[in-house]
Protein backbone atom coordinates (compact mmCIF):
# COMPACT_ATOMS: atom_id res chain seq x y z
CA MET A 1 -0.47 11.33 21.09
CA ARG A 2 1.41 8.23 19.17
CA ARG A 3 3.53 9.50 16.26
CA THR A 4 2.62 7.97 13.14
CA LEU A 5 4.58 7.11 10.00
CA GLY A 6 2.75 10.11 8.41
CA GLN A 7 4.14 12.32 11.22
CA LEU A 8 7.84 11.39 10.13
CA LEU A 9 7.19 12.48 6.70
CA VAL A 10 8.05 15.88 5.07
CA VAL A 11 5.39 17.40 3.42
CA LEU A 12 5.97 17.99 -0.34
CA ALA A 13 4.62 20.91 -2.14
CA VAL A 14 1.58 20.08 -4.12
CA LEU A 15 1.94 20.89 -8.06
CA ALA A 16 -1.31 21.22 -10.12
CA GLY A 17 -1.57 18.44 -12.60
CA CYS A 18 -3.66 16.93 -15.78
CA ALA A 19 -3.78 13.97 -17.24
CA HIS A 20 -1.34 13.58 -20.33
CA SER A 21 -0.82 11.03 -23.09
CA SER A 22 0.58 7.79 -21.94
CA ALA A 23 3.81 8.83 -23.17
CA ASP A 24 4.18 11.59 -21.14
CA PRO A 25 4.66 11.63 -17.60
CA ILE A 26 1.69 13.04 -15.35
CA PRO A 27 2.66 15.59 -12.91
CA SER A 28 1.36 15.71 -9.27
CA GLY A 29 -1.98 17.24 -8.05
CA LEU A 30 -5.34 16.83 -7.24
CA VAL A 31 -7.68 14.92 -9.61
CA GLY A 32 -11.56 15.27 -9.53
CA ILE A 33 -13.37 11.84 -9.34
CA GLY A 34 -16.75 13.38 -9.00
CA ASP A 35 -19.18 14.50 -6.59
CA GLY A 36 -17.17 17.18 -5.66
CA ARG A 37 -14.50 15.09 -4.46
CA SER A 38 -10.60 15.06 -5.28
CA LEU A 39 -7.73 12.70 -4.71
CA TYR A 40 -4.32 13.70 -4.69
CA LEU A 41 -1.95 11.83 -7.32
CA ASP A 42 1.64 11.81 -7.96
CA CYS A 43 2.93 10.19 -10.98
CA GLN A 44 6.66 9.85 -12.01
CA GLY A 45 8.14 8.49 -15.23
CA SER A 46 6.68 7.33 -18.44
CA GLY A 47 6.09 3.99 -20.34
CA ALA A 48 3.83 1.07 -19.71
CA PRO A 49 2.35 -0.91 -17.82
CA THR A 50 1.61 2.06 -15.30
CA VAL A 51 2.65 1.01 -11.70
CA PHE A 52 -0.01 1.96 -9.29
CA VAL A 53 0.73 1.90 -5.43
CA ILE A 54 -2.04 1.66 -3.11
CA PRO A 55 -0.71 2.72 0.54
CA GLY A 56 -1.47 1.35 3.75
CA LYS A 57 -3.90 2.58 6.61
CA GLY A 58 -3.10 6.37 7.30
CA SER A 59 0.08 6.44 4.83
CA TYR A 60 0.25 8.36 1.64
CA ALA A 61 2.48 9.13 -1.23
CA GLU A 62 5.26 10.55 0.36
CA ALA A 63 6.39 7.34 2.08
CA TRP A 64 7.23 5.92 -1.70
CA ASN A 65 10.00 8.90 -1.79
CA TYR A 66 11.87 8.38 1.49
CA VAL A 67 14.21 5.66 2.81
CA VAL A 68 15.42 5.00 6.28
CA PRO A 69 19.05 6.03 6.19
CA GLN A 70 21.63 3.11 6.60
CA ASP A 71 23.01 4.49 9.68
CA ASP A 72 19.72 5.48 11.31
CA PRO A 73 20.11 3.62 14.71
CA ILE A 74 16.51 1.67 14.42
CA ARG A 75 18.00 -0.67 11.98
CA SER A 76 20.61 -2.38 14.77
CA SER A 77 17.11 -2.90 16.59
CA PRO A 78 15.66 -6.64 16.35
CA TYR A 79 12.24 -5.01 16.49
CA ASP A 80 10.07 -2.95 14.40
CA ILE A 81 10.46 0.50 15.80
CA ILE A 82 9.58 2.64 12.74
CA THR A 83 8.38 5.47 14.73
CA GLN A 84 11.71 6.22 16.06
CA ALA A 85 13.25 6.38 12.55
CA THR A 86 14.12 9.45 10.74
CA PRO A 87 13.26 8.87 7.17
CA VAL A 88 14.59 10.92 4.46
CA PRO A 89 13.60 11.94 1.04
CA SER A 90 16.07 9.66 -1.49
CA PRO A 91 16.35 8.96 -5.20
CA ASP A 92 16.96 5.32 -4.50
CA ALA A 93 13.27 5.51 -2.68
CA VAL A 94 10.74 2.99 -4.40
CA GLN A 95 8.88 5.47 -6.55
CA PRO A 96 11.81 7.27 -8.28
CA THR A 97 13.51 4.05 -8.76
CA VAL A 98 10.97 2.40 -10.49
CA ALA A 99 9.82 5.45 -12.37
CA LYS A 100 13.15 5.22 -14.09
CA VAL A 101 11.39 2.06 -15.91
CA THR A 102 7.94 2.93 -16.19
CA ARG A 103 5.08 5.20 -14.98
CA THR A 104 4.42 5.06 -11.33
CA CYS A 105 1.77 6.50 -9.54
CA VAL A 106 0.92 6.79 -5.95
CA TYR A 107 -2.26 8.46 -4.38
CA ASP A 108 -3.64 9.92 -0.90
CA ARG A 109 -6.77 8.58 0.45
CA PRO A 110 -8.90 10.56 2.47
CA ASN A 111 -8.33 11.44 6.17
CA THR A 112 -4.55 9.78 5.85
CA ARG A 113 -2.37 12.97 6.54
CA SER A 114 -1.54 13.18 10.31
CA ASP A 115 0.92 15.96 9.69
CA GLY A 116 -1.01 18.65 8.56
CA PRO A 117 -4.55 19.20 6.42
CA ASP A 118 -5.57 16.19 3.82
CA ARG A 119 -5.00 16.82 0.33
CA SER A 120 -7.69 14.41 -1.05
CA THR A 121 -11.48 15.38 0.16
CA ASP A 122 -12.35 13.90 3.63
CA VAL A 123 -14.89 11.53 3.71
CA ALA A 124 -16.74 9.99 6.90
CA GLN A 125 -14.96 7.36 8.84
CA PRO A 126 -14.74 4.29 9.19
CA HIS A 127 -15.32 3.20 5.85
CA THR A 128 -15.53 0.48 3.61
CA VAL A 129 -12.97 -1.48 1.40
CA GLN A 130 -15.42 -0.88 -1.55
CA GLN A 131 -15.26 2.90 -1.09
CA ASP A 132 -11.81 2.74 -1.58
CA VAL A 133 -11.94 0.35 -4.83
CA ASP A 134 -14.52 2.70 -6.31
CA ASP A 135 -12.22 5.72 -5.43
CA VAL A 136 -9.05 3.94 -7.17
CA LEU A 137 -11.29 3.07 -10.45
CA ALA A 138 -12.59 6.60 -10.48
CA LEU A 139 -9.05 8.01 -10.08
CA LEU A 140 -7.48 5.88 -12.85
CA ASP A 141 -10.50 7.05 -15.05
CA ALA A 142 -10.28 10.75 -14.14
CA ALA A 143 -6.33 10.75 -14.77
CA GLN A 144 -6.64 8.94 -18.17
CA LEU A 145 -4.21 6.24 -16.97
CA VAL A 146 -3.97 3.67 -19.52
CA GLY A 147 -4.35 -0.01 -17.94
CA PRO A 148 -3.73 -2.66 -17.53
CA TYR A 149 -1.74 -1.80 -14.54
CA VAL A 150 0.93 -3.45 -12.30
CA PHE A 151 -0.69 -2.67 -8.60
CA VAL A 152 1.28 -2.61 -5.89
CA ALA A 153 -0.28 -2.51 -2.22
CA HIS A 154 1.06 -2.17 1.20
CA SER A 155 -0.44 -3.09 4.61
CA TYR A 156 -4.35 -2.16 4.36
CA GLY A 157 -3.94 -1.70 0.51
CA GLY A 158 -3.73 -5.41 0.07
CA LEU A 159 -7.41 -5.69 1.10
CA ILE A 160 -8.19 -3.14 -1.75
CA LEU A 161 -5.96 -4.58 -4.14
CA ASP A 162 -7.54 -7.95 -3.26
CA LEU A 163 -11.23 -7.09 -3.88
CA LEU A 164 -10.37 -4.72 -6.83
CA ALA A 165 -8.17 -7.68 -8.45
CA ARG A 166 -11.13 -10.15 -8.01
CA THR A 167 -13.88 -8.03 -9.26
CA HIS A 168 -12.30 -6.08 -12.05
CA PRO A 169 -9.22 -8.74 -13.36
CA GLN A 170 -9.18 -7.05 -16.61
CA LEU A 171 -7.49 -3.94 -14.92
CA VAL A 172 -4.47 -6.05 -13.45
CA ALA A 173 -1.58 -7.08 -15.33
CA GLY A 174 0.36 -7.87 -12.12
CA ILE A 175 0.40 -7.69 -8.48
CA VAL A 176 3.14 -6.80 -5.94
CA MET A 177 1.89 -7.12 -1.98
CA VAL A 178 4.50 -5.37 0.18
CA ASP A 179 3.52 -6.76 3.33
CA GLY A 180 -0.14 -6.45 2.55
CA VAL A 181 -2.72 -7.56 4.81
CA SER A 182 -3.61 -11.13 3.70
CA GLU A 183 -7.31 -12.00 3.48
CA PHE A 184 -6.43 -15.36 5.33
CA LEU A 185 -5.58 -13.48 8.60
CA PRO A 186 -9.08 -14.62 10.03
CA ALA A 187 -8.15 -17.93 9.24
CA VAL A 188 -5.22 -18.21 10.91
CA GLY A 189 -6.11 -15.78 14.10
CA THR A 190 -8.37 -16.86 17.05
CA PRO A 191 -11.66 -15.15 17.89
CA ALA A 192 -10.22 -12.64 20.31
CA GLN A 193 -7.39 -11.71 17.50
CA ASN A 194 -9.81 -11.27 14.98
CA ALA A 195 -12.05 -9.12 17.42
CA ALA A 196 -8.65 -7.20 18.41
CA TYR A 197 -7.80 -6.48 14.83
CA GLU A 198 -11.36 -5.35 13.72
CA ARG A 199 -11.09 -2.85 16.89
CA ASP A 200 -7.58 -1.81 15.76
CA ILE A 201 -8.04 -1.16 11.70
CA MET A 202 -11.50 0.43 12.71
CA ALA A 203 -10.12 3.14 15.19
CA PRO A 204 -8.23 6.29 13.44
CA PRO A 205 -4.71 6.51 14.55
CA GLU A 206 -5.47 10.05 15.33
CA PRO A 207 -8.57 12.22 15.69
CA GLY A 208 -10.16 12.70 12.06
CA GLY A 209 -7.80 9.87 10.81
CA GLU A 210 -8.73 6.86 8.76
CA GLY A 211 -10.61 3.84 9.83
CA ILE A 212 -11.68 1.07 8.12
CA LEU A 213 -14.44 -1.76 8.59
CA GLY A 214 -12.23 -4.79 8.63
CA ALA A 215 -14.89 -7.43 8.94
CA ASP A 216 -16.56 -6.04 6.06
CA ALA A 217 -13.73 -6.27 3.88
CA PHE A 218 -12.90 -9.81 4.69
CA ALA A 219 -16.58 -10.77 3.90
CA ARG A 220 -16.49 -8.82 0.70
CA ILE A 221 -13.33 -10.58 -0.69
CA LYS A 222 -14.58 -14.09 0.49
CA ALA A 223 -17.64 -13.66 -1.39
CA ALA A 224 -16.12 -12.13 -4.62
CA PRO A 225 -14.77 -14.27 -7.89
CA PRO A 226 -11.18 -15.81 -7.60
CA LEU A 227 -7.90 -14.02 -7.73
CA PRO A 228 -6.57 -13.58 -11.14
CA ARG A 229 -3.43 -15.36 -12.57
CA VAL A 230 -1.12 -12.99 -13.46
CA PRO A 231 2.46 -12.34 -12.56
CA ALA A 232 2.83 -11.38 -8.67
CA ILE A 233 4.87 -11.69 -6.03
CA VAL A 234 4.12 -11.37 -2.02
CA LEU A 235 6.84 -9.81 0.07
CA SER A 236 6.94 -10.05 3.96
CA ALA A 237 8.65 -8.27 6.86
CA ASP A 238 10.84 -10.16 9.24
CA LYS A 239 10.87 -7.68 12.27
CA PHE A 240 7.72 -7.30 14.51
CA ALA A 241 6.83 -5.11 17.21
CA PRO A 242 8.70 -4.88 20.65
CA PRO A 243 7.03 -7.01 23.04
CA GLN A 244 5.98 -4.22 25.10
CA ALA A 245 4.11 -2.74 22.48
CA LEU A 246 2.15 -5.88 22.00
CA THR A 247 -0.93 -7.99 24.03
CA PRO A 248 -1.74 -11.67 23.72
CA ASP A 249 -4.63 -10.76 21.18
CA ASN A 250 -2.37 -9.47 18.67
CA TYR A 251 -1.45 -11.55 15.85
CA THR A 252 2.08 -13.12 15.98
CA LEU A 253 4.43 -12.74 13.16
CA ALA A 254 4.44 -16.37 12.27
CA GLN A 255 0.77 -16.27 12.15
CA ILE A 256 1.17 -13.09 9.73
CA HIS A 257 3.76 -15.12 7.80
CA GLU A 258 1.24 -18.14 7.48
CA ALA A 259 -1.34 -15.98 6.09
CA ASN A 260 0.86 -14.15 3.60
CA THR A 261 1.84 -18.06 2.13
CA MET A 262 -1.55 -18.81 1.89
CA LEU A 263 -2.21 -15.61 -0.18
CA ALA A 264 0.95 -15.99 -2.22
CA HIS A 265 -0.48 -19.66 -2.80
CA ALA A 266 -3.86 -18.03 -4.05
CA LEU A 267 -1.98 -15.85 -6.41
CA GLY A 268 0.36 -18.66 -7.63
CA THR A 269 3.65 -17.35 -6.33
CA THR A 270 5.90 -17.15 -3.22
CA ASN A 271 6.22 -15.19 -0.09
CA VAL A 272 9.51 -13.59 0.04
CA ILE A 273 10.84 -12.44 3.50
CA ALA A 274 12.44 -9.19 3.55
CA THR A 275 15.62 -9.84 5.82
CA GLY A 276 16.04 -6.99 8.20
CA SER A 277 12.91 -5.14 7.58
CA GLY A 278 9.74 -3.95 9.51
CA HIS A 279 6.69 -3.51 8.21
CA ASN A 280 7.12 -0.51 6.10
CA VAL A 281 9.37 -2.78 3.63
CA MET A 282 9.49 0.05 1.04
CA LEU A 283 11.22 2.29 3.78
CA TYR A 284 13.54 -0.37 5.42
CA GLN A 285 14.44 -2.12 1.88
CA PRO A 286 13.77 0.30 -0.97
CA THR A 287 15.80 -1.26 -3.60
CA PHE A 288 14.49 -5.00 -2.50
CA VAL A 289 10.85 -3.50 -3.24
CA ALA A 290 11.70 -1.62 -6.48
CA ASP A 291 13.81 -4.66 -7.70
CA ASN A 292 10.68 -6.83 -7.29
CA ILE A 293 8.36 -4.51 -8.82
CA ILE A 294 10.53 -3.90 -11.71
CA GLU A 295 10.78 -8.03 -12.08
CA ILE A 296 6.78 -8.09 -12.24
CA VAL A 297 6.79 -4.96 -15.04
CA ASN A 298 9.26 -7.08 -16.80
CA ARG A 299 7.35 -10.09 -16.90
CA VAL A 300 4.31 -8.39 -17.93
CA ARG A 301 6.12 -6.89 -20.72
CA ALA A 302 7.40 -10.27 -21.85
CA GLY A 303 3.89 -11.46 -22.17
CA GLU A 304 3.41 -13.65 -18.91
């Protein structure tokens, strides 16, 4: 079985938690969102605006508390070979760094833990992006997190954030896309590439894992209202998978950059390349990601 990022991360202890006032940190734990379901939430730090992180497909909260060490051999590769890395927990990771400035929360979507039992309640797979938007809204409400929020999204999380921002703009104070999937990928891809991506995003990375109805997500976003104009930034990786891991039906790095630049234009911002980083930019370049998040937080605080 192919190792995923989740299998590389050490499982941290689950702490029982409950909602606190906006001045106090919220401990990690399970938050009931109704219908007998719970989602795992990890909040660190205090202050406003709250930063809320939406992980990528098959990823979860720990990824934002780990880094790829500077001496890890994968850093010398011209390719993104993250599955060969040995990430380690670090106070310099994105979440603890941003938490020094403001409350920072990350959650587990259902069916995302490949290295053990899921903490969040499982749901049927594949599922729709609307289900994920609804879960985020329910979690924010149940955890009593005060908005509006600076949302940070990685990979597939970008589609969740895109639809959420279009349909609930009053909740969005700022946007940070960390190599998020761009709504414009189908526009730059060929029919064969788009079909291959649909198969890939729908397929769980392991039995019982997360699968998404990609074409449905792109269609919902296309039919939704425009993106809000709020402080925003788009970050893109500059390392790609090795040639032997690709097929002619995969999107190219140039196409992904083009789609991300189109997304940045729609947000009224720029697409910034994370030099020396693969797709999991938060692991390769945690300081770069944290600095960009904090910049958006400061712009929101300044009233932009």
